């Protein structure tokens, strides 16, 4: 009976893989967490910019050059920020900048 139960568990574990990445940050090609969304939104913006410039009548070579340069800048910036701050570091950085260095209180307290 014990061997049958063990064999059933082995079969179940081979059919259903165990997810060992629970509560880990999402990482895609070196980008961590929210920076994946930043890159996707930036690429969507570049696509929209290309379409607008093409419709406006800007020559295709100039459109491609501008989009290529902006795309290189976007990739470098997003990867740099991702590597510098990590998963939650940028939120912590902005939260720390938003807190005041000191709080002045000129009110007299009565006991």
N, C-alpha and C. Protein backbone atom coordinates (compact mmCIF):
# COMPACT_ATOMS: atom_id res chain seq x y z
N UNK A 1 0.82 -1.19 0.00
CA UNK A 1 0.00 0.00 0.00
C UNK A 1 0.87 1.26 0.00
N UNK A 2 1.94 1.23 0.77
CA UNK A 2 2.83 2.38 0.85
C UNK A 2 3.53 2.61 -0.49
N UNK A 3 3.96 1.53 -1.15
CA UNK A 3 4.61 1.65 -2.45
C UNK A 3 3.66 2.19 -3.51
N UNK A 4 2.40 1.81 -3.45
CA UNK A 4 1.41 2.30 -4.40
C UNK A 4 1.20 3.80 -4.21
N UNK A 5 1.15 4.24 -2.97
CA UNK A 5 0.97 5.67 -2.67
C UNK A 5 2.18 6.47 -3.15
N UNK A 6 3.37 5.97 -2.91
CA UNK A 6 4.59 6.63 -3.34
C UNK A 6 4.66 6.71 -4.87
N UNK A 7 4.27 5.64 -5.53
CA UNK A 7 4.29 5.60 -6.99
C UNK A 7 3.28 6.61 -7.55
N UNK A 8 2.11 6.72 -6.91
CA UNK A 8 1.10 7.68 -7.35
C UNK A 8 1.62 9.11 -7.20
N UNK A 9 2.33 9.41 -6.11
CA UNK A 9 2.89 10.75 -5.91
C UNK A 9 3.97 11.06 -6.94
N UNK A 10 4.78 10.06 -7.29
CA UNK A 10 5.81 10.26 -8.30
C UNK A 10 5.18 10.56 -9.66
N UNK A 11 4.11 9.86 -9.98
CA UNK A 11 3.44 10.09 -11.25
C UNK A 11 2.82 11.49 -11.26
N UNK A 12 2.20 11.89 -10.16
CA UNK A 12 1.56 13.20 -10.08
C UNK A 12 2.60 14.32 -10.17
N UNK A 13 3.76 14.14 -9.55
CA UNK A 13 4.77 15.18 -9.59
C UNK A 13 5.38 15.31 -10.98
N UNK A 14 5.38 14.24 -11.75
CA UNK A 14 5.92 14.34 -13.10
C UNK A 14 4.90 14.95 -14.06
N UNK A 15 3.63 14.82 -13.76
CA UNK A 15 2.60 15.38 -14.62
C UNK A 15 2.39 16.86 -14.32
N UNK A 16 2.39 17.23 -13.07
CA UNK A 16 2.15 18.59 -12.65
C UNK A 16 3.45 19.18 -12.09
N UNK A 17 4.09 20.09 -12.82
CA UNK A 17 5.34 20.66 -12.31
C UNK A 17 5.08 21.58 -11.12
N UNK A 18 6.00 21.58 -10.21
CA UNK A 18 5.88 22.41 -9.02
C UNK A 18 6.48 23.77 -9.34
N UNK A 19 5.72 24.83 -9.05
CA UNK A 19 6.20 26.19 -9.29
C UNK A 19 7.07 26.62 -8.13
N UNK A 20 8.36 26.73 -8.37
CA UNK A 20 9.28 27.10 -7.29
C UNK A 20 9.60 28.59 -7.32
N UNK A 21 8.94 29.35 -8.18
CA UNK A 21 9.22 30.78 -8.29
C UNK A 21 8.17 31.65 -7.63
N UNK A 22 7.44 31.11 -6.68
CA UNK A 22 6.39 31.87 -6.02
C UNK A 22 7.03 33.00 -5.20
N UNK A 23 6.44 34.19 -5.27
CA UNK A 23 6.87 35.40 -4.57
C UNK A 23 8.22 35.93 -5.03
N UNK A 24 8.71 35.47 -6.17
CA UNK A 24 9.91 36.06 -6.74
C UNK A 24 9.50 37.15 -7.72
N UNK A 25 10.41 38.09 -7.94
CA UNK A 25 10.14 39.15 -8.89
C UNK A 25 10.14 38.59 -10.31
N UNK A 26 9.31 39.17 -11.14
CA UNK A 26 9.28 38.79 -12.54
C UNK A 26 10.53 39.37 -13.20
N UNK A 27 11.29 38.52 -13.89
CA UNK A 27 12.50 38.98 -14.56
C UNK A 27 12.43 38.52 -16.01
N UNK A 28 12.66 39.45 -16.94
CA UNK A 28 12.66 39.12 -18.36
C UNK A 28 13.89 39.74 -18.99
N UNK A 29 14.81 38.89 -19.38
CA UNK A 29 16.06 39.31 -20.03
C UNK A 29 16.80 40.38 -19.25
N UNK A 30 16.83 40.25 -17.94
CA UNK A 30 17.56 41.17 -17.10
C UNK A 30 16.73 42.30 -16.53
N UNK A 31 15.54 42.54 -17.08
CA UNK A 31 14.68 43.59 -16.54
C UNK A 31 13.88 43.03 -15.38
N UNK A 32 13.77 43.83 -14.33
CA UNK A 32 13.08 43.38 -13.13
C UNK A 32 11.75 44.11 -12.97
N UNK A 33 10.74 43.38 -12.59
CA UNK A 33 9.44 43.87 -12.14
C UNK A 33 8.82 44.93 -13.05
N UNK A 34 8.61 46.15 -12.52
CA UNK A 34 7.86 47.17 -13.25
C UNK A 34 8.60 47.73 -14.45
N UNK A 35 9.89 47.50 -14.55
CA UNK A 35 10.66 48.04 -15.67
C UNK A 35 10.29 47.34 -16.98
N UNK A 36 9.75 46.14 -16.90
CA UNK A 36 9.27 45.46 -18.10
C UNK A 36 8.11 46.27 -18.68
N UNK A 37 7.23 46.77 -17.82
CA UNK A 37 6.11 47.58 -18.28
C UNK A 37 6.60 48.90 -18.85
N UNK A 38 7.59 49.50 -18.23
CA UNK A 38 8.15 50.76 -18.72
C UNK A 38 8.65 50.58 -20.15
N UNK A 39 9.39 49.50 -20.38
CA UNK A 39 9.94 49.26 -21.71
C UNK A 39 8.82 49.00 -22.72
N UNK A 40 7.80 48.24 -22.33
CA UNK A 40 6.69 47.96 -23.23
C UNK A 40 5.93 49.24 -23.59
N UNK A 41 5.68 50.08 -22.60
CA UNK A 41 4.98 51.35 -22.86
C UNK A 41 5.84 52.26 -23.72
N UNK A 42 7.14 52.29 -23.46
CA UNK A 42 8.04 53.10 -24.27
C UNK A 42 8.08 52.64 -25.72
N UNK A 43 8.11 51.33 -25.94
CA UNK A 43 8.11 50.81 -27.31
C UNK A 43 6.79 51.10 -28.01
N UNK A 44 5.70 51.04 -27.28
CA UNK A 44 4.41 51.41 -27.84
C UNK A 44 4.37 52.89 -28.23
N UNK A 45 4.97 53.72 -27.39
CA UNK A 45 5.06 55.15 -27.71
C UNK A 45 5.91 55.41 -28.93
N UNK A 46 7.01 54.66 -29.06
CA UNK A 46 7.86 54.82 -30.25
C UNK A 46 7.11 54.39 -31.51
N UNK A 47 6.33 53.33 -31.41
CA UNK A 47 5.54 52.89 -32.56
C UNK A 47 4.52 53.96 -32.95
N UNK A 48 3.87 54.53 -31.96
CA UNK A 48 2.91 55.59 -32.22
C UNK A 48 3.59 56.82 -32.82
N UNK A 49 4.76 57.18 -32.30
CA UNK A 49 5.51 58.32 -32.83
C UNK A 49 5.91 58.08 -34.29
N UNK A 50 6.35 56.86 -34.60
CA UNK A 50 6.69 56.53 -35.98
C UNK A 50 5.48 56.68 -36.89
N UNK A 51 4.35 56.18 -36.44
CA UNK A 51 3.13 56.27 -37.26
C UNK A 51 2.73 57.73 -37.49
N UNK A 52 2.82 58.55 -36.45
CA UNK A 52 2.47 59.96 -36.59
C UNK A 52 3.42 60.69 -37.54
N UNK A 53 4.71 60.41 -37.41
CA UNK A 53 5.68 61.06 -38.30
C UNK A 53 5.48 60.60 -39.74
N UNK A 54 5.18 59.32 -39.94
CA UNK A 54 4.96 58.79 -41.30
C UNK A 54 3.72 59.42 -41.93
N UNK A 55 2.66 59.53 -41.13
CA UNK A 55 1.42 60.14 -41.63
C UNK A 55 1.64 61.63 -41.92
N UNK A 56 2.49 62.27 -41.12
CA UNK A 56 2.76 63.70 -41.32
C UNK A 56 3.60 63.95 -42.57
N UNK A 57 4.17 62.91 -43.15
CA UNK A 57 4.92 63.08 -44.39
C UNK A 57 6.42 63.17 -44.22
N UNK A 58 6.91 62.86 -43.03
CA UNK A 58 8.37 62.86 -42.82
C UNK A 58 8.94 61.66 -43.58
N UNK A 59 10.06 61.86 -44.29
CA UNK A 59 10.65 60.74 -45.03
C UNK A 59 10.95 59.54 -44.13
N UNK A 60 10.80 58.34 -44.69
CA UNK A 60 10.93 57.11 -43.91
C UNK A 60 12.33 56.97 -43.31
N UNK A 61 13.36 57.38 -44.04
CA UNK A 61 14.73 57.27 -43.53
C UNK A 61 14.91 58.12 -42.28
N UNK A 62 14.35 59.31 -42.29
CA UNK A 62 14.46 60.19 -41.11
C UNK A 62 13.64 59.61 -39.96
N UNK A 63 12.44 59.09 -40.26
CA UNK A 63 11.61 58.44 -39.22
C UNK A 63 12.38 57.30 -38.57
N UNK A 64 12.97 56.45 -39.41
CA UNK A 64 13.70 55.29 -38.89
C UNK A 64 14.89 55.72 -38.03
N UNK A 65 15.61 56.75 -38.48
CA UNK A 65 16.78 57.22 -37.73
C UNK A 65 16.36 57.76 -36.36
N UNK A 66 15.30 58.55 -36.34
CA UNK A 66 14.84 59.13 -35.07
C UNK A 66 14.35 58.04 -34.13
N UNK A 67 13.55 57.12 -34.65
CA UNK A 67 13.01 56.04 -33.81
C UNK A 67 14.13 55.13 -33.32
N UNK A 68 15.12 54.86 -34.17
CA UNK A 68 16.25 54.02 -33.77
C UNK A 68 17.05 54.67 -32.64
N UNK A 69 17.33 55.96 -32.77
CA UNK A 69 18.07 56.66 -31.71
C UNK A 69 17.27 56.72 -30.41
N UNK A 70 15.98 57.03 -30.52
CA UNK A 70 15.15 57.07 -29.32
C UNK A 70 14.99 55.68 -28.70
N UNK A 71 14.92 54.64 -29.54
CA UNK A 71 14.83 53.27 -29.04
C UNK A 71 16.08 52.85 -28.29
N UNK A 72 17.24 53.21 -28.83
CA UNK A 72 18.51 52.91 -28.14
C UNK A 72 18.55 53.61 -26.80
N UNK A 73 18.16 54.90 -26.79
CA UNK A 73 18.13 55.65 -25.53
C UNK A 73 17.16 55.02 -24.54
N UNK A 74 15.97 54.61 -25.03
CA UNK A 74 14.97 53.99 -24.15
C UNK A 74 15.51 52.71 -23.52
N UNK A 75 16.08 51.82 -24.34
CA UNK A 75 16.61 50.56 -23.82
C UNK A 75 17.72 50.80 -22.81
N UNK A 76 18.64 51.68 -23.14
CA UNK A 76 19.76 51.94 -22.21
C UNK A 76 19.26 52.52 -20.90
N UNK A 77 18.31 53.46 -20.99
CA UNK A 77 17.79 54.09 -19.78
C UNK A 77 17.05 53.10 -18.89
N UNK A 78 16.17 52.29 -19.49
CA UNK A 78 15.37 51.35 -18.69
C UNK A 78 16.27 50.28 -18.08
N UNK A 79 17.23 49.74 -18.82
CA UNK A 79 18.14 48.75 -18.25
C UNK A 79 19.03 49.36 -17.17
N UNK A 80 19.45 50.60 -17.37
CA UNK A 80 20.28 51.26 -16.36
C UNK A 80 19.50 51.47 -15.06
N UNK A 81 18.26 51.92 -15.17
CA UNK A 81 17.42 52.14 -13.99
C UNK A 81 17.11 50.80 -13.31
N UNK A 82 16.85 49.77 -14.09
CA UNK A 82 16.56 48.45 -13.54
C UNK A 82 17.76 47.91 -12.77
N UNK A 83 18.94 48.06 -13.33
CA UNK A 83 20.14 47.58 -12.64
C UNK A 83 20.50 48.43 -11.44
N UNK A 84 20.22 49.72 -11.51
CA UNK A 84 20.59 50.62 -10.41
C UNK A 84 19.68 50.44 -9.20
N UNK A 85 18.38 50.41 -9.43
CA UNK A 85 17.43 50.41 -8.31
C UNK A 85 16.87 49.04 -7.97
N UNK A 86 16.84 48.12 -8.89
CA UNK A 86 16.30 46.80 -8.59
C UNK A 86 14.78 46.80 -8.59
N UNK A 87 14.24 45.80 -7.93
CA UNK A 87 12.80 45.55 -7.99
C UNK A 87 11.97 46.69 -7.39
N UNK A 88 12.26 47.08 -6.16
CA UNK A 88 11.47 48.11 -5.48
C UNK A 88 12.29 49.35 -5.16
N UNK A 89 13.52 49.40 -5.59
CA UNK A 89 14.42 50.48 -5.19
C UNK A 89 14.00 51.85 -5.64
N UNK A 90 13.43 51.97 -6.84
CA UNK A 90 13.05 53.29 -7.33
C UNK A 90 11.89 53.85 -6.51
N UNK A 91 10.94 52.99 -6.14
CA UNK A 91 9.83 53.46 -5.30
C UNK A 91 10.36 53.93 -3.95
N UNK A 92 11.32 53.20 -3.39
CA UNK A 92 11.91 53.59 -2.11
C UNK A 92 12.67 54.90 -2.26
N UNK A 93 13.36 55.07 -3.40
CA UNK A 93 14.12 56.29 -3.65
C UNK A 93 13.20 57.50 -3.69
N UNK A 94 12.09 57.40 -4.44
CA UNK A 94 11.16 58.52 -4.53
C UNK A 94 10.43 58.76 -3.21
N UNK A 95 10.15 57.70 -2.47
CA UNK A 95 9.51 57.86 -1.16
C UNK A 95 10.44 58.58 -0.20
N UNK A 96 11.73 58.27 -0.25
CA UNK A 96 12.69 58.92 0.62
C UNK A 96 12.85 60.39 0.25
N UNK A 97 12.80 60.71 -1.03
CA UNK A 97 12.91 62.10 -1.46
C UNK A 97 11.67 62.90 -1.07
N UNK A 98 10.52 62.22 -0.95
CA UNK A 98 9.27 62.91 -0.64
C UNK A 98 9.11 63.21 0.85
N UNK A 99 9.88 62.54 1.69
CA UNK A 99 9.76 62.79 3.13
C UNK A 99 10.59 64.02 3.50
N UNK A 100 10.07 64.86 4.38
CA UNK A 100 10.82 66.05 4.76
C UNK A 100 12.03 65.70 5.63
N UNK A 101 13.06 66.53 5.55
CA UNK A 101 14.27 66.31 6.35
C UNK A 101 13.98 66.55 7.83
N UNK A 102 13.14 67.53 8.10
CA UNK A 102 12.76 67.79 9.50
C UNK A 102 11.38 68.42 9.53
N UNK A 103 10.75 68.36 10.69
CA UNK A 103 9.42 68.93 10.88
C UNK A 103 9.54 70.00 11.95
N UNK A 104 9.17 71.22 11.60
CA UNK A 104 9.20 72.32 12.55
C UNK A 104 7.84 72.46 13.20
N UNK A 105 7.85 72.66 14.51
CA UNK A 105 6.60 72.84 15.24
C UNK A 105 6.78 74.07 16.14
N UNK A 106 6.07 75.12 15.84
CA UNK A 106 6.16 76.35 16.63
C UNK A 106 5.01 76.50 17.63
N UNK A 107 4.24 75.50 17.79
CA UNK A 107 3.09 75.55 18.66
C UNK A 107 3.53 75.22 20.09
N UNK A 108 3.00 75.97 21.05
CA UNK A 108 3.31 75.69 22.45
C UNK A 108 2.34 74.63 22.95
N UNK A 109 2.87 73.65 23.63
CA UNK A 109 2.03 72.59 24.17
C UNK A 109 1.68 72.91 25.60
N UNK A 110 0.42 72.73 25.93
CA UNK A 110 -0.04 72.98 27.28
C UNK A 110 -0.23 71.64 27.99
N UNK A 111 0.24 71.58 29.20
CA UNK A 111 0.15 70.35 29.94
C UNK A 111 -1.14 70.21 30.68
